[in-house]
Amino acid sequence: MTDWNKLYNRAETLLSRLERLLPAGPSDPGWNAAVAFRWRKSGRTGFIQPVTHPHQIKPDALHGIERQKERLDQNTRQFVQGYPANNVLLTGARGTGKSSLIKAMLNQYAGSGLRLIEVEKHDLTDLHDIVELIHRRPERFILYCDDLSFESGEPGYKALKVVLDGSIATASENVLVYATSNRRHLMPESMRDNLDTRHIEGEIHPSESIEEKISLSERFGLWLSFYPFDQEQYLDIVRQWLSYFGIAKMVPAVREAALRWALERGSRSGRVAWQFARDWAGKQKTTPRLEQ
């Protein structure tokens, strides 16, 4: 009997360890309680976690990117209404509103059934599992990947390619990928890549390494490029944010301080304009007039 007890206890211990290794069954993350979610991992098990206080920003609060805003709004509206739409890659200068624009689309269309799931780069290998969990849901989902870039050979690179286009399984109609990056092709490019380019009978044939690096970005149907703001655009954005904080007029002293603020940071961007306006409003002891 003692031997049986030992065997039983060992079997219980083994089963307990195996249960921790096996993925847990899908659970309801509270779809009706939130509009934004994150993909999280506990050991080897992934789950969708609701974001109770997402960043609320309205499209009208974003300035200097009207063309990009219009195109992303059109694509998102098509998607929410059940019409064909594209995966989107937003690339370009830092601080110009790429991530904020995606959050603004969620704010704009959450009432129409749009939901957002943020996926970190190191979790992109789980994209197939995420799609499996949500493909039968009635909502429309944006898988949001922020500040995306890859080094050669990273597993998430191939996983994202498969989800975008290239798997034997049909892509889910209620899922799109919106990604931001400072790199147009999402991977570093080197002089060696160009040296391997071949010229055959007057035609240029890119090297295999270049073809590999552009193959992922080409899977995004819509590319939106963001550029650094010039001085007047930057000052206009500063003016808008100061108005948001209840400061109606930009006097010469404020203008000079805003330009000096940008010079110290080596950038004229929407983010820098927002940071200056917060700093100046704080010194003037003013608060926002409207909730964003």
C-alpha atoms as a PDB file:
ATOM      1  CA  MET A   1       0.000   0.000   0.000  1.00  0.00           C
ATOM      2  CA  THR A   2       2.869   2.346   0.776  1.00  0.00           C
ATOM      3  CA  ASP A   3       4.295   1.870  -2.721  1.00  0.00           C
ATOM      4  CA  TRP A   4       0.893   2.714  -4.233  1.00  0.00           C
ATOM      5  CA  ASN A   5       0.707   5.910  -2.177  1.00  0.00           C
ATOM      6  CA  LYS A   6       4.164   6.945  -3.344  1.00  0.00           C
ATOM      7  CA  LEU A   7       3.219   6.219  -6.950  1.00  0.00           C
ATOM      8  CA  TYR A   8      -0.025   8.177  -6.561  1.00  0.00           C
ATOM      9  CA  ASN A   9       1.737  11.185  -5.085  1.00  0.00           C
ATOM     10  CA  ARG A  10       4.374  11.163  -7.829  1.00  0.00           C
ATOM     11  CA  ALA A  11       1.645  10.986 -10.482  1.00  0.00           C
ATOM     12  CA  GLU A  12      -0.173  13.951  -8.890  1.00  0.00           C
ATOM     13  CA  THR A  13       3.038  15.960  -8.860  1.00  0.00           C
ATOM     14  CA  LEU A  14       3.746  15.127 -12.497  1.00  0.00           C
ATOM     15  CA  LEU A  15       0.211  16.083 -13.609  1.00  0.00           C
ATOM     16  CA  SER A  16       0.452  19.366 -11.723  1.00  0.00           C
ATOM     17  CA  ARG A  17       3.673  20.229 -13.541  1.00  0.00           C
ATOM     18  CA  LEU A  18       2.198  19.267 -16.905  1.00  0.00           C
ATOM     19  CA  GLU A  19      -0.855  21.472 -16.304  1.00  0.00           C
ATOM     20  CA  ARG A  20       1.424  24.471 -15.789  1.00  0.00           C
ATOM     21  CA  LEU A  21       3.100  23.789 -19.127  1.00  0.00           C
ATOM     22  CA  LEU A  22      -0.100  23.280 -21.129  1.00  0.00           C
ATOM     23  CA  PRO A  23      -1.953  26.360 -22.442  1.00  0.00           C
ATOM     24  CA  ALA A  24      -5.040  27.276 -20.489  1.00  0.00           C
ATOM     25  CA  GLY A  25      -8.403  27.252 -22.238  1.00  0.00           C
ATOM     26  CA  PRO A  26      -9.641  30.589 -23.599  1.00  0.00           C
ATOM     27  CA  SER A  27     -11.414  32.703 -21.009  1.00  0.00           C
ATOM     28  CA  ASP A  28     -13.603  35.796 -21.317  1.00  0.00           C
ATOM     29  CA  PRO A  29     -11.407  38.859 -20.665  1.00  0.00           C
ATOM     30  CA  GLY A  30     -14.474  41.048 -20.204  1.00  0.00           C
ATOM     31  CA  TRP A  31     -15.293  42.050 -23.756  1.00  0.00           C
ATOM     32  CA  ASN A  32     -18.183  44.255 -22.659  1.00  0.00           C
ATOM     33  CA  ALA A  33     -16.208  46.019 -19.928  1.00  0.00           C
ATOM     34  CA  ALA A  34     -13.402  47.482 -22.070  1.00  0.00           C
ATOM     35  CA  VAL A  35     -12.535  48.552 -25.609  1.00  0.00           C
ATOM     36  CA  ALA A  36      -8.743  48.212 -25.340  1.00  0.00           C
ATOM     37  CA  PHE A  37      -6.818  45.085 -24.378  1.00  0.00           C
ATOM     38  CA  ARG A  38      -3.280  43.738 -24.088  1.00  0.00           C
ATOM     39  CA  TRP A  39      -1.857  40.307 -24.827  1.00  0.00           C
ATOM     40  CA  ARG A  40      -0.092  39.061 -21.718  1.00  0.00           C
ATOM     41  CA  LYS A  41       1.921  35.949 -20.894  1.00  0.00           C
ATOM     42  CA  SER A  42       2.076  33.934 -17.673  1.00  0.00           C
ATOM     43  CA  GLY A  43       4.786  31.343 -18.145  1.00  0.00           C
ATOM     44  CA  ARG A  44       3.972  29.772 -21.492  1.00  0.00           C
ATOM     45  CA  THR A  45       0.301  30.678 -21.332  1.00  0.00           C
ATOM     46  CA  GLY A  46      -1.043  33.766 -23.047  1.00  0.00           C
ATOM     47  CA  PHE A  47      -4.249  35.637 -22.265  1.00  0.00           C
ATOM     48  CA  ILE A  48      -6.070  38.823 -23.256  1.00  0.00           C
ATOM     49  CA  GLN A  49      -6.119  41.434 -20.484  1.00  0.00           C
ATOM     50  CA  PRO A  50      -8.517  44.417 -20.508  1.00  0.00           C
ATOM     51  CA  VAL A  51      -7.132  47.943 -20.204  1.00  0.00           C
ATOM     52  CA  THR A  52      -9.377  49.698 -17.718  1.00  0.00           C
ATOM     53  CA  HIS A  53      -8.143  53.232 -18.433  1.00  0.00           C
ATOM     54  CA  PRO A  54      -7.081  53.530 -22.106  1.00  0.00           C
ATOM     55  CA  HIS A  55      -5.620  56.741 -23.482  1.00  0.00           C
ATOM     56  CA  GLN A  56      -8.578  58.778 -24.696  1.00  0.00           C
ATOM     57  CA  ILE A  57      -7.654  61.074 -27.568  1.00  0.00           C
ATOM     58  CA  LYS A  58      -9.898  62.564 -30.227  1.00  0.00           C
ATOM     59  CA  PRO A  59      -8.889  62.825 -33.902  1.00  0.00           C
ATOM     60  CA  ASP A  60      -9.489  66.581 -33.820  1.00  0.00           C
ATOM     61  CA  ALA A  61      -6.740  66.940 -31.204  1.00  0.00           C
ATOM     62  CA  LEU A  62      -4.105  65.816 -33.725  1.00  0.00           C
ATOM     63  CA  HIS A  63      -2.762  68.537 -36.018  1.00  0.00           C
ATOM     64  CA  GLY A  64      -0.333  68.651 -38.923  1.00  0.00           C
ATOM     65  CA  ILE A  65      -1.202  65.137 -40.148  1.00  0.00           C
ATOM     66  CA  GLU A  66      -4.530  65.777 -41.882  1.00  0.00           C
ATOM     67  CA  ARG A  67      -3.786  63.622 -44.950  1.00  0.00           C
ATOM     68  CA  GLN A  68      -2.661  60.644 -42.870  1.00  0.00           C
ATOM     69  CA  LYS A  69      -5.647  61.085 -40.567  1.00  0.00           C
ATOM     70  CA  GLU A  70      -8.070  61.113 -43.486  1.00  0.00           C
ATOM     71  CA  ARG A  71      -6.656  57.935 -45.038  1.00  0.00           C
ATOM     72  CA  LEU A  72      -6.533  55.986 -41.774  1.00  0.00           C
ATOM     73  CA  ASP A  73     -10.043  57.114 -40.890  1.00  0.00           C
ATOM     74  CA  GLN A  74     -11.323  55.926 -44.273  1.00  0.00           C
ATOM     75  CA  ASN A  75      -9.643  52.542 -43.903  1.00  0.00           C
ATOM     76  CA  THR A  76     -10.888  52.089 -40.330  1.00  0.00           C
ATOM     77  CA  ARG A  77     -14.421  53.117 -41.224  1.00  0.00           C
ATOM     78  CA  GLN A  78     -14.500  50.561 -44.052  1.00  0.00           C
ATOM     79  CA  PHE A  79     -13.297  47.888 -41.646  1.00  0.00           C
ATOM     80  CA  VAL A  80     -15.851  48.707 -38.943  1.00  0.00           C
ATOM     81  CA  GLN A  81     -18.683  48.732 -41.488  1.00  0.00           C
ATOM     82  CA  GLY A  82     -17.715  45.265 -42.707  1.00  0.00           C
ATOM     83  CA  TYR A  83     -16.159  46.281 -46.006  1.00  0.00           C
ATOM     84  CA  PRO A  84     -12.690  45.261 -47.251  1.00  0.00           C
ATOM     85  CA  ALA A  85      -9.837  47.189 -45.594  1.00  0.00           C
ATOM     86  CA  ASN A  86      -6.064  46.952 -45.372  1.00  0.00           C
ATOM     87  CA  ASN A  87      -3.478  46.291 -42.723  1.00  0.00           C
ATOM     88  CA  VAL A  88      -1.657  49.565 -42.091  1.00  0.00           C
ATOM     89  CA  LEU A  89       1.997  50.458 -41.514  1.00  0.00           C
ATOM     90  CA  LEU A  90       2.620  53.952 -40.123  1.00  0.00           C
ATOM     91  CA  THR A  91       6.258  54.955 -40.493  1.00  0.00           C
ATOM     92  CA  GLY A  92       8.393  58.036 -40.104  1.00  0.00           C
ATOM     93  CA  ALA A  93       9.724  60.615 -37.713  1.00  0.00           C
ATOM     94  CA  ARG A  94       9.323  60.052 -33.986  1.00  0.00           C
ATOM     95  CA  GLY A  95       6.741  62.051 -32.098  1.00  0.00           C
ATOM     96  CA  THR A  96       4.652  62.949 -35.158  1.00  0.00           C
ATOM     97  CA  GLY A  97       1.441  61.229 -34.022  1.00  0.00           C
ATOM     98  CA  LYS A  98       1.638  57.682 -35.383  1.00  0.00           C
ATOM     99  CA  SER A  99       0.572  55.912 -32.193  1.00  0.00           C
ATOM    100  CA  SER A 100      -1.798  58.693 -31.163  1.00  0.00           C
ATOM    101  CA  LEU A 101      -3.615  58.426 -34.482  1.00  0.00           C
ATOM    102  CA  ILE A 102      -4.304  54.720 -33.951  1.00  0.00           C
ATOM    103  CA  LYS A 103      -5.620  55.433 -30.441  1.00  0.00           C
ATOM    104  CA  ALA A 104      -7.786  58.184 -31.889  1.00  0.00           C
ATOM    105  CA  MET A 105      -9.341  55.693 -34.321  1.00  0.00           C
ATOM    106  CA  LEU A 106     -10.283  53.468 -31.373  1.00  0.00           C
ATOM    107  CA  ASN A 107     -11.857  56.431 -29.630  1.00  0.00           C
ATOM    108  CA  GLN A 108     -13.728  57.332 -32.811  1.00  0.00           C
ATOM    109  CA  TYR A 109     -15.140  53.873 -33.587  1.00  0.00           C
ATOM    110  CA  ALA A 110     -15.329  52.004 -30.276  1.00  0.00           C
ATOM    111  CA  GLY A 111     -19.059  52.733 -30.183  1.00  0.00           C
ATOM    112  CA  SER A 112     -19.383  50.944 -33.540  1.00  0.00           C
ATOM    113  CA  GLY A 113     -17.749  47.758 -32.275  1.00  0.00           C
ATOM    114  CA  LEU A 114     -14.057  48.468 -32.817  1.00  0.00           C
ATOM    115  CA  ARG A 115     -11.672  46.943 -30.272  1.00  0.00           C
ATOM    116  CA  LEU A 116      -7.881  47.160 -29.970  1.00  0.00           C
ATOM    117  CA  ILE A 117      -5.422  44.544 -28.693  1.00  0.00           C
ATOM    118  CA  GLU A 118      -1.861  45.722 -28.091  1.00  0.00           C
ATOM    119  CA  VAL A 119       0.788  43.091 -28.797  1.00  0.00           C
ATOM    120  CA  GLU A 120       4.416  43.567 -27.781  1.00  0.00           C
ATOM    121  CA  LYS A 121       7.095  42.668 -30.306  1.00  0.00           C
ATOM    122  CA  HIS A 122       8.393  39.738 -28.275  1.00  0.00           C
ATOM    123  CA  ASP A 123       4.872  38.247 -28.263  1.00  0.00           C
ATOM    124  CA  LEU A 124       4.328  38.374 -32.026  1.00  0.00           C
ATOM    125  CA  THR A 125       4.957  34.641 -32.202  1.00  0.00           C
ATOM    126  CA  ASP A 126       1.550  34.296 -30.478  1.00  0.00           C
ATOM    127  CA  LEU A 127      -0.348  36.175 -33.188  1.00  0.00           C
ATOM    128  CA  HIS A 128      -1.922  33.009 -34.566  1.00  0.00           C
ATOM    129  CA  ASP A 129      -3.203  32.090 -31.085  1.00  0.00           C
ATOM    130  CA  ILE A 130      -4.644  35.586 -30.596  1.00  0.00           C
ATOM    131  CA  VAL A 131      -6.490  35.426 -33.908  1.00  0.00           C
ATOM    132  CA  GLU A 132      -7.876  32.001 -32.979  1.00  0.00           C
ATOM    133  CA  LEU A 133      -9.304  33.448 -29.759  1.00  0.00           C
ATOM    134  CA  ILE A 134     -11.143  36.340 -31.420  1.00  0.00           C
ATOM    135  CA  HIS A 135     -12.049  35.250 -34.928  1.00  0.00           C
ATOM    136  CA  ARG A 136     -15.600  34.241 -33.912  1.00  0.00           C
ATOM    137  CA  ARG A 137     -16.269  37.425 -31.941  1.00  0.00           C
ATOM    138  CA  PRO A 138     -18.773  39.943 -33.403  1.00  0.00           C
ATOM    139  CA  GLU A 139     -16.442  42.896 -32.739  1.00  0.00           C
ATOM    140  CA  ARG A 140     -13.825  44.190 -35.171  1.00  0.00           C
ATOM    141  CA  PHE A 141     -10.277  43.974 -33.824  1.00  0.00           C
ATOM    142  CA  ILE A 142      -7.117  45.953 -34.504  1.00  0.00           C
ATOM    143  CA  LEU A 143      -3.947  44.172 -33.440  1.00  0.00           C
ATOM    144  CA  TYR A 144      -1.727  47.103 -32.489  1.00  0.00           C
ATOM    145  CA  CYS A 145       2.073  46.774 -32.653  1.00  0.00           C
ATOM    146  CA  ASP A 146       3.910  49.924 -31.588  1.00  0.00           C
ATOM    147  CA  ASP A 147       7.472  50.953 -32.466  1.00  0.00           C
ATOM    148  CA  LEU A 148       8.050  47.852 -34.527  1.00  0.00           C
ATOM    149  CA  SER A 149      11.489  46.885 -35.813  1.00  0.00           C
ATOM    150  CA  PHE A 150      13.336  43.626 -36.207  1.00  0.00           C
ATOM    151  CA  GLU A 151      16.833  42.303 -36.321  1.00  0.00           C
ATOM    152  CA  SER A 152      17.672  39.576 -38.793  1.00  0.00           C
ATOM    153  CA  GLY A 153      16.390  36.160 -37.752  1.00  0.00           C
ATOM    154  CA  GLU A 154      13.923  37.264 -35.072  1.00  0.00           C
ATOM    155  CA  PRO A 155      11.010  34.768 -34.821  1.00  0.00           C
ATOM    156  CA  GLY A 156       8.359  37.491 -34.548  1.00  0.00           C
ATOM    157  CA  TYR A 157       9.282  38.707 -38.040  1.00  0.00           C
ATOM    158  CA  LYS A 158       8.146  35.502 -39.724  1.00  0.00           C
ATOM    159  CA  ALA A 159       5.106  35.184 -37.445  1.00  0.00           C
ATOM    160  CA  LEU A 160       3.887  38.619 -38.496  1.00  0.00           C
ATOM    161  CA  LYS A 161       4.453  37.811 -42.162  1.00  0.00           C
ATOM    162  CA  VAL A 162       2.273  34.719 -41.832  1.00  0.00           C
ATOM    163  CA  VAL A 163      -0.592  36.575 -40.165  1.00  0.00           C
ATOM    164  CA  LEU A 164      -0.491  39.405 -42.716  1.00  0.00           C
ATOM    165  CA  ASP A 165      -0.358  37.140 -45.735  1.00  0.00           C
ATOM    166  CA  GLY A 166       1.126  33.779 -46.423  1.00  0.00           C
ATOM    167  CA  SER A 167      -0.548  31.236 -44.147  1.00  0.00           C
ATOM    168  CA  ILE A 168      -2.530  28.294 -45.469  1.00  0.00           C
ATOM    169  CA  ALA A 169      -5.384  29.502 -43.232  1.00  0.00           C
ATOM    170  CA  THR A 170      -7.612  32.314 -44.464  1.00  0.00           C
ATOM    171  CA  ALA A 171      -7.070  35.598 -42.646  1.00  0.00           C
ATOM    172  CA  SER A 172      -9.872  36.436 -40.223  1.00  0.00           C
ATOM    173  CA  GLU A 173     -12.280  39.049 -41.584  1.00  0.00           C
ATOM    174  CA  ASN A 174     -12.621  40.764 -38.189  1.00  0.00           C
ATOM    175  CA  VAL A 175      -8.899  41.374 -37.627  1.00  0.00           C
ATOM    176  CA  LEU A 176      -6.461  43.959 -39.006  1.00  0.00           C
ATOM    177  CA  VAL A 177      -2.902  44.779 -38.000  1.00  0.00           C
ATOM    178  CA  TYR A 178      -1.944  48.423 -37.414  1.00  0.00           C
ATOM    179  CA  ALA A 179       1.782  48.858 -36.751  1.00  0.00           C
ATOM    180  CA  THR A 180       4.052  51.855 -36.200  1.00  0.00           C
ATOM    181  CA  SER A 181       7.763  52.005 -36.922  1.00  0.00           C
ATOM    182  CA  ASN A 182      10.584  54.452 -37.478  1.00  0.00           C
ATOM    183  CA  ARG A 183      11.835  52.148 -40.263  1.00  0.00           C
ATOM    184  CA  ARG A 184      10.048  51.891 -43.588  1.00  0.00           C
ATOM    185  CA  HIS A 185      11.142  48.281 -44.095  1.00  0.00           C
ATOM    186  CA  LEU A 186      11.094  47.318 -40.394  1.00  0.00           C
ATOM    187  CA  MET A 187      14.638  45.927 -40.532  1.00  0.00           C
ATOM    188  CA  PRO A 188      18.087  47.565 -40.531  1.00  0.00           C
ATOM    189  CA  GLU A 189      19.625  48.092 -43.968  1.00  0.00           C
ATOM    190  CA  SER A 190      23.343  47.971 -44.667  1.00  0.00           C
ATOM    191  CA  MET A 191      25.678  48.905 -47.503  1.00  0.00           C
ATOM    192  CA  ARG A 192      26.412  45.209 -47.971  1.00  0.00           C
ATOM    193  CA  ASP A 193      22.805  44.664 -49.109  1.00  0.00           C
ATOM    194  CA  ASN A 194      23.313  47.112 -51.994  1.00  0.00           C
ATOM    195  CA  LEU A 195      26.677  45.642 -52.936  1.00  0.00           C
ATOM    196  CA  ASP A 196      24.964  42.307 -53.554  1.00  0.00           C
ATOM    197  CA  THR A 197      22.547  43.867 -56.046  1.00  0.00           C
ATOM    198  CA  ARG A 198      22.986  42.395 -59.531  1.00  0.00           C
ATOM    199  CA  HIS A 199      22.761  44.090 -62.937  1.00  0.00           C
ATOM    200  CA  ILE A 200      21.529  41.733 -65.662  1.00  0.00           C
ATOM    201  CA  GLU A 201      21.049  43.030 -69.215  1.00  0.00           C
ATOM    202  CA  GLY A 202      20.445  46.553 -67.977  1.00  0.00           C
ATOM    203  CA  GLU A 203      17.960  45.532 -65.287  1.00  0.00           C
ATOM    204  CA  ILE A 204      18.548  45.925 -61.547  1.00  0.00           C
ATOM    205  CA  HIS A 205      17.883  42.806 -59.474  1.00  0.00           C
ATOM    206  CA  PRO A 206      17.885  43.475 -55.716  1.00  0.00           C
ATOM    207  CA  SER A 207      19.830  41.079 -53.533  1.00  0.00           C
ATOM    208  CA  GLU A 208      18.021  38.346 -51.620  1.00  0.00           C
ATOM    209  CA  SER A 209      18.665  40.189 -48.358  1.00  0.00           C
ATOM    210  CA  ILE A 210      16.922  43.321 -49.683  1.00  0.00           C
ATOM    211  CA  GLU A 211      14.019  41.255 -50.994  1.00  0.00           C
ATOM    212  CA  GLU A 212      13.655  39.661 -47.560  1.00  0.00           C
ATOM    213  CA  LYS A 213      13.708  43.011 -45.782  1.00  0.00           C
ATOM    214  CA  ILE A 214      11.018  44.601 -47.933  1.00  0.00           C
ATOM    215  CA  SER A 215       8.805  41.499 -48.067  1.00  0.00           C
ATOM    216  CA  LEU A 216       7.215  42.215 -44.668  1.00  0.00           C
ATOM    217  CA  SER A 217       6.393  45.873 -45.243  1.00  0.00           C
ATOM    218  CA  GLU A 218       4.895  44.983 -48.637  1.00  0.00           C
ATOM    219  CA  ARG A 219       2.334  42.830 -46.856  1.00  0.00           C
ATOM    220  CA  PHE A 220       0.781  45.969 -45.361  1.00  0.00           C
ATOM    221  CA  GLY A 221      -1.760  47.190 -47.900  1.00  0.00           C
ATOM    222  CA  LEU A 222      -1.653  50.793 -46.708  1.00  0.00           C
ATOM    223  CA  TRP A 223       1.523  52.759 -45.928  1.00  0.00           C
ATOM    224  CA  LEU A 224       1.267  56.103 -44.168  1.00  0.00           C
ATOM    225  CA  SER A 225       4.424  58.211 -43.923  1.00  0.00           C
ATOM    226  CA  PHE A 226       4.962  60.854 -41.241  1.00  0.00           C
ATOM    227  CA  TYR A 227       7.498  63.661 -41.638  1.00  0.00           C
ATOM    228  CA  PRO A 228       9.192  66.134 -39.274  1.00  0.00           C
ATOM    229  CA  PHE A 229       7.274  69.386 -38.857  1.00  0.00           C
ATOM    230  CA  ASP A 230       8.681  72.683 -40.017  1.00  0.00           C
ATOM    231  CA  GLN A 231       8.824  75.624 -37.608  1.00  0.00           C
ATOM    232  CA  GLU A 232       5.414  77.061 -38.459  1.00  0.00           C
ATOM    233  CA  GLN A 233       3.705  73.678 -38.224  1.00  0.00           C
ATOM    234  CA  TYR A 234       5.353  73.086 -34.865  1.00  0.00           C
ATOM    235  CA  LEU A 235       4.259  76.499 -33.552  1.00  0.00           C
ATOM    236  CA  ASP A 236       0.718  75.895 -34.800  1.00  0.00           C
ATOM    237  CA  ILE A 237       0.564  72.654 -32.814  1.00  0.00           C
ATOM    238  CA  VAL A 238       1.960  74.452 -29.759  1.00  0.00           C
ATOM    239  CA  ARG A 239      -0.772  77.063 -30.186  1.00  0.00           C
ATOM    240  CA  GLN A 240      -3.459  74.379 -30.337  1.00  0.00           C
ATOM    241  CA  TRP A 241      -2.230  72.655 -27.170  1.00  0.00           C
ATOM    242  CA  LEU A 242      -1.900  75.936 -25.301  1.00  0.00           C
ATOM    243  CA  SER A 243      -5.527  76.654 -26.214  1.00  0.00           C
ATOM    244  CA  TYR A 244      -6.421  73.234 -24.831  1.00  0.00           C
ATOM    245  CA  PHE A 245      -4.858  74.315 -21.538  1.00  0.00           C
ATOM    246  CA  GLY A 246      -6.810  77.576 -21.545  1.00  0.00           C
ATOM    247  CA  ILE A 247      -4.021  79.845 -22.843  1.00  0.00           C
ATOM    248  CA  ALA A 248      -5.705  81.675 -25.704  1.00  0.00           C
ATOM    249  CA  LYS A 249      -2.849  83.768 -27.097  1.00  0.00           C
ATOM    250  CA  MET A 250       0.753  82.980 -27.981  1.00  0.00           C
ATOM    251  CA  VAL A 251       2.673  86.110 -27.077  1.00  0.00           C
ATOM    252  CA  PRO A 252       6.259  86.602 -28.348  1.00  0.00           C
ATOM    253  CA  ALA A 253       7.728  85.361 -25.061  1.00  0.00           C
ATOM    254  CA  VAL A 254       5.795  82.075 -25.342  1.00  0.00           C
ATOM    255  CA  ARG A 255       6.793  81.688 -28.991  1.00  0.00           C
ATOM    256  CA  GLU A 256      10.456  82.155 -28.126  1.00  0.00           C
ATOM    257  CA  ALA A 257      10.206  79.678 -25.245  1.00  0.00           C
ATOM    258  CA  ALA A 258       8.533  77.101 -27.510  1.00  0.00           C
ATOM    259  CA  LEU A 259      11.272  77.391 -30.127  1.00  0.00           C
ATOM    260  CA  ARG A 260      13.981  77.142 -27.488  1.00  0.00           C
ATOM    261  CA  TRP A 261      12.255  74.056 -26.047  1.00  0.00           C
ATOM    262  CA  ALA A 262      12.350  72.357 -29.467  1.00  0.00           C
ATOM    263  CA  LEU A 263      15.965  73.387 -30.074  1.00  0.00           C
ATOM    264  CA  GLU A 264      17.075  71.848 -26.788  1.00  0.00           C
ATOM    265  CA  ARG A 265      15.455  68.558 -27.785  1.00  0.00           C
ATOM    266  CA  GLY A 266      16.645  68.591 -31.371  1.00  0.00           C
ATOM    267  CA  SER A 267      13.140  67.954 -32.659  1.00  0.00           C
ATOM    268  CA  ARG A 268      10.030  69.816 -33.785  1.00  0.00           C
ATOM    269  CA  SER A 269       7.276  67.250 -33.340  1.00  0.00           C
ATOM    270  CA  GLY A 270       3.764  66.997 -31.999  1.00  0.00           C
ATOM    271  CA  ARG A 271       5.084  65.226 -28.920  1.00  0.00           C
ATOM    272  CA  VAL A 272       7.582  68.022 -28.214  1.00  0.00           C
ATOM    273  CA  ALA A 273       4.830  70.624 -28.711  1.00  0.00           C
ATOM    274  CA  TRP A 274       2.587  68.756 -26.253  1.00  0.00           C
ATOM    275  CA  GLN A 275       5.383  68.527 -23.692  1.00  0.00           C
ATOM    276  CA  PHE A 276       6.128  72.249 -23.973  1.00  0.00           C
ATOM    277  CA  ALA A 277       2.452  73.159 -23.599  1.00  0.00           C
ATOM    278  CA  ARG A 278       2.183  71.013 -20.469  1.00  0.00           C
ATOM    279  CA  ASP A 279       5.291  72.603 -18.995  1.00  0.00           C
ATOM    280  CA  TRP A 280       4.150  76.149 -19.770  1.00  0.00           C
ATOM    281  CA  ALA A 281       0.586  75.534 -18.561  1.00  0.00           C
ATOM    282  CA  GLY A 282       1.915  74.054 -15.348  1.00  0.00           C
ATOM    283  CA  LYS A 283       4.014  77.142 -14.708  1.00  0.00           C
ATOM    284  CA  GLN A 284       0.965  79.323 -15.382  1.00  0.00           C
ATOM    285  CA  LYS A 285      -1.141  77.079 -13.114  1.00  0.00           C
ATOM    286  CA  THR A 286      -3.772  76.387 -15.773  1.00  0.00           C
ATOM    287  CA  THR A 287      -5.599  73.102 -16.417  1.00  0.00           C
ATOM    288  CA  PRO A 288      -7.181  71.504 -19.507  1.00  0.00           C
ATOM    289  CA  ARG A 289     -10.507  72.914 -20.598  1.00  0.00           C
ATOM    290  CA  LEU A 290     -11.765  69.695 -22.148  1.00  0.00           C
ATOM    291  CA  GLU A 291     -11.126  66.017 -21.490  1.00  0.00           C
ATOM    292  CA  GLN A 292      -9.264  64.328 -24.313  1.00  0.00           C
END
